[in-house]
C-alpha atoms as a PDB file:
ATOM      1  CA  MET A   1       0.000   0.000   0.000  1.00  0.00           C
ATOM      2  CA  LEU A   2       2.749   2.446   0.939  1.00  0.00           C
ATOM      3  CA  THR A   3       4.724   1.569  -2.211  1.00  0.00           C
ATOM      4  CA  ARG A   4       1.672   2.195  -4.377  1.00  0.00           C
ATOM      5  CA  LEU A   5       1.099   5.513  -2.637  1.00  0.00           C
ATOM      6  CA  LEU A   6       4.723   6.623  -3.036  1.00  0.00           C
ATOM      7  CA  LYS A   7       4.789   5.679  -6.733  1.00  0.00           C
ATOM      8  CA  LEU A   8       1.510   7.537  -7.299  1.00  0.00           C
ATOM      9  CA  SER A   9       0.357   4.560  -9.320  1.00  0.00           C
ATOM     10  CA  PHE A  10      -3.258   5.478  -8.569  1.00  0.00           C
ATOM     11  CA  VAL A  11      -2.877   8.607 -10.737  1.00  0.00           C
ATOM     12  CA  PRO A  12      -3.411   7.842 -14.421  1.00  0.00           C
ATOM     13  CA  ALA A  13      -0.398   8.651 -16.592  1.00  0.00           C
ATOM     14  CA  SER A  14      -2.072  10.323 -19.527  1.00  0.00           C
ATOM     15  CA  THR A  15      -0.431  12.968 -21.673  1.00  0.00           C
ATOM     16  CA  ASP A  16      -3.786  13.665 -23.312  1.00  0.00           C
ATOM     17  CA  LEU A  17      -5.439  14.300 -19.954  1.00  0.00           C
ATOM     18  CA  ALA A  18      -2.543  16.554 -18.917  1.00  0.00           C
ATOM     19  CA  LEU A  19      -2.867  18.549 -22.151  1.00  0.00           C
ATOM     20  CA  LEU A  20      -6.603  18.905 -21.570  1.00  0.00           C
ATOM     21  CA  VAL A  21      -6.024  20.262 -18.063  1.00  0.00           C
ATOM     22  CA  LEU A  22      -3.308  22.638 -19.298  1.00  0.00           C
ATOM     23  CA  ARG A  23      -5.382  23.892 -22.241  1.00  0.00           C
ATOM     24  CA  VAL A  24      -8.553  24.441 -20.250  1.00  0.00           C
ATOM     25  CA  CYS A  25      -6.856  26.045 -17.246  1.00  0.00           C
ATOM     26  CA  ALA A  26      -4.595  28.349 -19.273  1.00  0.00           C
ATOM     27  CA  GLY A  27      -7.258  29.254 -21.843  1.00  0.00           C
ATOM     28  CA  VAL A  28     -10.035  29.949 -19.349  1.00  0.00           C
ATOM     29  CA  SER A  29      -7.687  31.838 -17.031  1.00  0.00           C
ATOM     30  CA  LEU A  30      -6.410  34.030 -19.863  1.00  0.00           C
ATOM     31  CA  PHE A  31      -9.962  34.703 -21.019  1.00  0.00           C
ATOM     32  CA  LEU A  32     -11.311  35.525 -17.551  1.00  0.00           C
ATOM     33  CA  ARG A  33      -8.335  37.636 -16.486  1.00  0.00           C
ATOM     34  CA  HIS A  34      -7.693  39.544 -19.724  1.00  0.00           C
ATOM     35  CA  GLY A  35     -10.193  38.616 -22.439  1.00  0.00           C
ATOM     36  CA  TRP A  36     -13.416  39.352 -20.588  1.00  0.00           C
ATOM     37  CA  GLU A  37     -12.236  42.880 -19.817  1.00  0.00           C
ATOM     38  CA  LYS A  38     -11.435  43.523 -23.469  1.00  0.00           C
ATOM     39  CA  ALA A  39     -14.690  41.969 -24.677  1.00  0.00           C
ATOM     40  CA  THR A  40     -16.954  43.908 -22.321  1.00  0.00           C
ATOM     41  CA  GLY A  41     -15.073  47.165 -21.771  1.00  0.00           C
ATOM     42  CA  PHE A  42     -13.085  47.803 -24.945  1.00  0.00           C
ATOM     43  CA  ASP A  43     -13.373  51.609 -24.674  1.00  0.00           C
ATOM     44  CA  GLY A  44     -12.161  51.580 -21.073  1.00  0.00           C
ATOM     45  CA  VAL A  45      -9.141  49.494 -22.012  1.00  0.00           C
ATOM     46  CA  VAL A  46      -8.310  51.777 -24.957  1.00  0.00           C
ATOM     47  CA  ALA A  47      -8.453  54.828 -22.678  1.00  0.00           C
ATOM     48  CA  ARG A  48      -5.784  53.579 -20.265  1.00  0.00           C
ATOM     49  CA  VAL A  49      -3.262  51.773 -22.493  1.00  0.00           C
ATOM     50  CA  PRO A  50      -0.367  53.663 -24.114  1.00  0.00           C
ATOM     51  CA  ASP A  51       0.357  53.191 -27.823  1.00  0.00           C
ATOM     52  CA  PHE A  52       3.722  51.514 -27.317  1.00  0.00           C
ATOM     53  CA  LEU A  53       3.619  49.820 -30.747  1.00  0.00           C
ATOM     54  CA  HIS A  54       2.777  53.077 -32.586  1.00  0.00           C
ATOM     55  CA  ILE A  55      -0.018  51.456 -34.620  1.00  0.00           C
ATOM     56  CA  GLY A  56      -2.879  53.167 -32.812  1.00  0.00           C
ATOM     57  CA  VAL A  57      -4.265  52.121 -29.457  1.00  0.00           C
ATOM     58  CA  GLY A  58      -7.513  50.814 -30.927  1.00  0.00           C
ATOM     59  CA  THR A  59      -5.683  48.588 -33.405  1.00  0.00           C
ATOM     60  CA  MET A  60      -3.270  47.370 -30.756  1.00  0.00           C
ATOM     61  CA  ILE A  61      -6.046  46.516 -28.283  1.00  0.00           C
ATOM     62  CA  PHE A  62      -8.054  44.823 -31.047  1.00  0.00           C
ATOM     63  CA  LEU A  63      -5.076  42.588 -31.921  1.00  0.00           C
ATOM     64  CA  ALA A  64      -4.594  41.818 -28.227  1.00  0.00           C
ATOM     65  CA  ALA A  65      -8.322  41.105 -27.846  1.00  0.00           C
ATOM     66  CA  VAL A  66      -8.165  38.518 -30.631  1.00  0.00           C
ATOM     67  CA  GLY A  67      -5.543  36.677 -28.585  1.00  0.00           C
ATOM     68  CA  ASP A  68      -7.119  37.186 -25.171  1.00  0.00           C
ATOM     69  CA  VAL A  69     -10.737  36.569 -26.174  1.00  0.00           C
ATOM     70  CA  LEU A  70     -10.951  34.400 -29.278  1.00  0.00           C
ATOM     71  CA  CYS A  71      -7.678  32.473 -29.132  1.00  0.00           C
ATOM     72  CA  SER A  72      -7.873  31.783 -25.399  1.00  0.00           C
ATOM     73  CA  LEU A  73     -11.292  30.182 -25.885  1.00  0.00           C
ATOM     74  CA  LEU A  74     -10.089  28.244 -28.937  1.00  0.00           C
ATOM     75  CA  VAL A  75      -7.188  26.882 -26.883  1.00  0.00           C
ATOM     76  CA  ALA A  76      -9.550  25.929 -24.046  1.00  0.00           C
ATOM     77  CA  VAL A  77     -11.860  23.904 -26.318  1.00  0.00           C
ATOM     78  CA  GLY A  78      -9.049  22.623 -28.508  1.00  0.00           C
ATOM     79  CA  LEU A  79     -10.097  24.059 -31.876  1.00  0.00           C
ATOM     80  CA  ALA A  80      -7.409  25.424 -34.229  1.00  0.00           C
ATOM     81  CA  THR A  81      -5.342  24.923 -31.116  1.00  0.00           C
ATOM     82  CA  ARG A  82      -1.814  25.291 -32.399  1.00  0.00           C
ATOM     83  CA  TRP A  83      -2.616  28.438 -34.380  1.00  0.00           C
ATOM     84  CA  ALA A  84      -4.508  29.936 -31.439  1.00  0.00           C
ATOM     85  CA  ALA A  85      -1.701  29.104 -29.002  1.00  0.00           C
ATOM     86  CA  ALA A  86       0.889  30.603 -31.360  1.00  0.00           C
ATOM     87  CA  TYR A  87      -1.125  33.816 -31.746  1.00  0.00           C
ATOM     88  CA  SER A  88      -1.690  34.100 -27.993  1.00  0.00           C
ATOM     89  CA  PHE A  89       2.009  33.456 -27.392  1.00  0.00           C
ATOM     90  CA  ALA A  90       2.932  36.258 -29.817  1.00  0.00           C
ATOM     91  CA  VAL A  91       0.516  38.745 -28.231  1.00  0.00           C
ATOM     92  CA  ILE A  92       1.677  37.953 -24.702  1.00  0.00           C
ATOM     93  CA  PHE A  93       5.337  38.086 -25.739  1.00  0.00           C
ATOM     94  CA  VAL A  94       4.895  41.521 -27.345  1.00  0.00           C
ATOM     95  CA  ALA A  95       3.116  42.812 -24.238  1.00  0.00           C
ATOM     96  CA  TRP A  96       5.763  41.335 -21.949  1.00  0.00           C
ATOM     97  CA  SER A  97       8.595  42.844 -23.974  1.00  0.00           C
ATOM     98  CA  MET A  98       7.116  46.243 -24.866  1.00  0.00           C
ATOM     99  CA  ARG A  99       4.973  47.019 -21.853  1.00  0.00           C
ATOM    100  CA  GLU A 100       6.697  45.106 -19.062  1.00  0.00           C
ATOM    101  CA  HIS A 101      10.232  45.285 -20.547  1.00  0.00           C
ATOM    102  CA  PHE A 102      10.808  41.578 -19.815  1.00  0.00           C
ATOM    103  CA  ASN A 103      10.104  42.199 -16.133  1.00  0.00           C
ATOM    104  CA  TYR A 104      10.068  38.946 -14.224  1.00  0.00           C
ATOM    105  CA  PHE A 105      11.951  39.491 -10.995  1.00  0.00           C
ATOM    106  CA  GLU A 106      10.787  42.945  -9.900  1.00  0.00           C
ATOM    107  CA  HIS A 107       9.656  42.616  -6.306  1.00  0.00           C
ATOM    108  CA  GLY A 108       6.071  43.549  -5.561  1.00  0.00           C
ATOM    109  CA  ARG A 109       4.813  43.118  -9.135  1.00  0.00           C
ATOM    110  CA  GLN A 110       3.483  39.848 -10.444  1.00  0.00           C
ATOM    111  CA  GLN A 111       2.487  40.857 -13.966  1.00  0.00           C
ATOM    112  CA  GLY A 112       5.740  39.615 -15.492  1.00  0.00           C
ATOM    113  CA  GLU A 113       5.543  36.314 -13.665  1.00  0.00           C
ATOM    114  CA  MET A 114       1.997  35.675 -14.872  1.00  0.00           C
ATOM    115  CA  MET A 115       2.987  36.554 -18.424  1.00  0.00           C
ATOM    116  CA  VAL A 116       5.852  34.060 -18.313  1.00  0.00           C
ATOM    117  CA  LEU A 117       3.495  31.351 -17.046  1.00  0.00           C
ATOM    118  CA  TYR A 118       1.046  32.083 -19.885  1.00  0.00           C
ATOM    119  CA  LEU A 119       3.960  32.043 -22.360  1.00  0.00           C
ATOM    120  CA  ILE A 120       5.098  28.639 -21.079  1.00  0.00           C
ATOM    121  CA  ALA A 121       1.558  27.242 -21.272  1.00  0.00           C
ATOM    122  CA  MET A 122       0.937  28.532 -24.806  1.00  0.00           C
ATOM    123  CA  LEU A 123       4.342  27.350 -26.021  1.00  0.00           C
ATOM    124  CA  THR A 124       3.716  23.895 -24.550  1.00  0.00           C
ATOM    125  CA  VAL A 125       0.300  23.648 -26.200  1.00  0.00           C
ATOM    126  CA  PHE A 126       1.767  24.857 -29.508  1.00  0.00           C
ATOM    127  CA  LEU A 127       4.575  22.279 -29.420  1.00  0.00           C
ATOM    128  CA  ALA A 128       2.588  19.327 -28.064  1.00  0.00           C
ATOM    129  CA  GLY A 129      -0.704  19.977 -29.829  1.00  0.00           C
ATOM    130  CA  PRO A 130      -4.146  19.787 -28.282  1.00  0.00           C
ATOM    131  CA  GLY A 131      -4.173  16.110 -27.344  1.00  0.00           C
ATOM    132  CA  ARG A 132      -6.864  13.524 -27.879  1.00  0.00           C
ATOM    133  CA  TYR A 133      -9.499  15.323 -25.776  1.00  0.00           C
ATOM    134  CA  SER A 134     -10.027  18.269 -28.121  1.00  0.00           C
ATOM    135  CA  LEU A 135     -12.255  19.386 -30.958  1.00  0.00           C
ATOM    136  CA  ASP A 136      -9.232  19.261 -33.260  1.00  0.00           C
ATOM    137  CA  SER A 137      -8.867  15.562 -32.509  1.00  0.00           C
ATOM    138  CA  LEU A 138     -12.586  14.960 -32.951  1.00  0.00           C
ATOM    139  CA  PHE A 139     -12.610  16.604 -36.389  1.00  0.00           C
ATOM    140  CA  LYS A 140      -9.340  15.011 -37.452  1.00  0.00           C
ATOM    141  CA  ASP A 141     -10.755  11.533 -36.850  1.00  0.00           C
ATOM    142  CA  LYS A 142     -13.631  12.273 -39.263  1.00  0.00           C
ATOM    143  CA  ASP A 143     -11.289  12.853 -42.234  1.00  0.00           C
END
């Protein structure tokens, strides 16, 4: 009994289940924390964000909203997953570099740390794919 407990043999070893958990948790978290705000209060977001890309604040927030709203939900359900994860990764990386200046260790601020965690999650999903428990997998099997 103790050996079984120490080996964690009661926990199923499933890469597909792990990818499902990662996709859903990262996608839903990104949507709730950043996407919902952009979807419901676009004008408020535009009013308080500087134009650090010099393409117009509205355009910049729209491009970010595609990643934080649409792509985060696509990652969560596993549809067009690799493309959605790549787009979200790019948006988060640009924000981390241009707005946060690659901040990760600054004491008292956690924005950089959260961005790095989202980057890791999106990169993992991009590289590994959505797994068996996804809409991509469901549609692929029909071909």
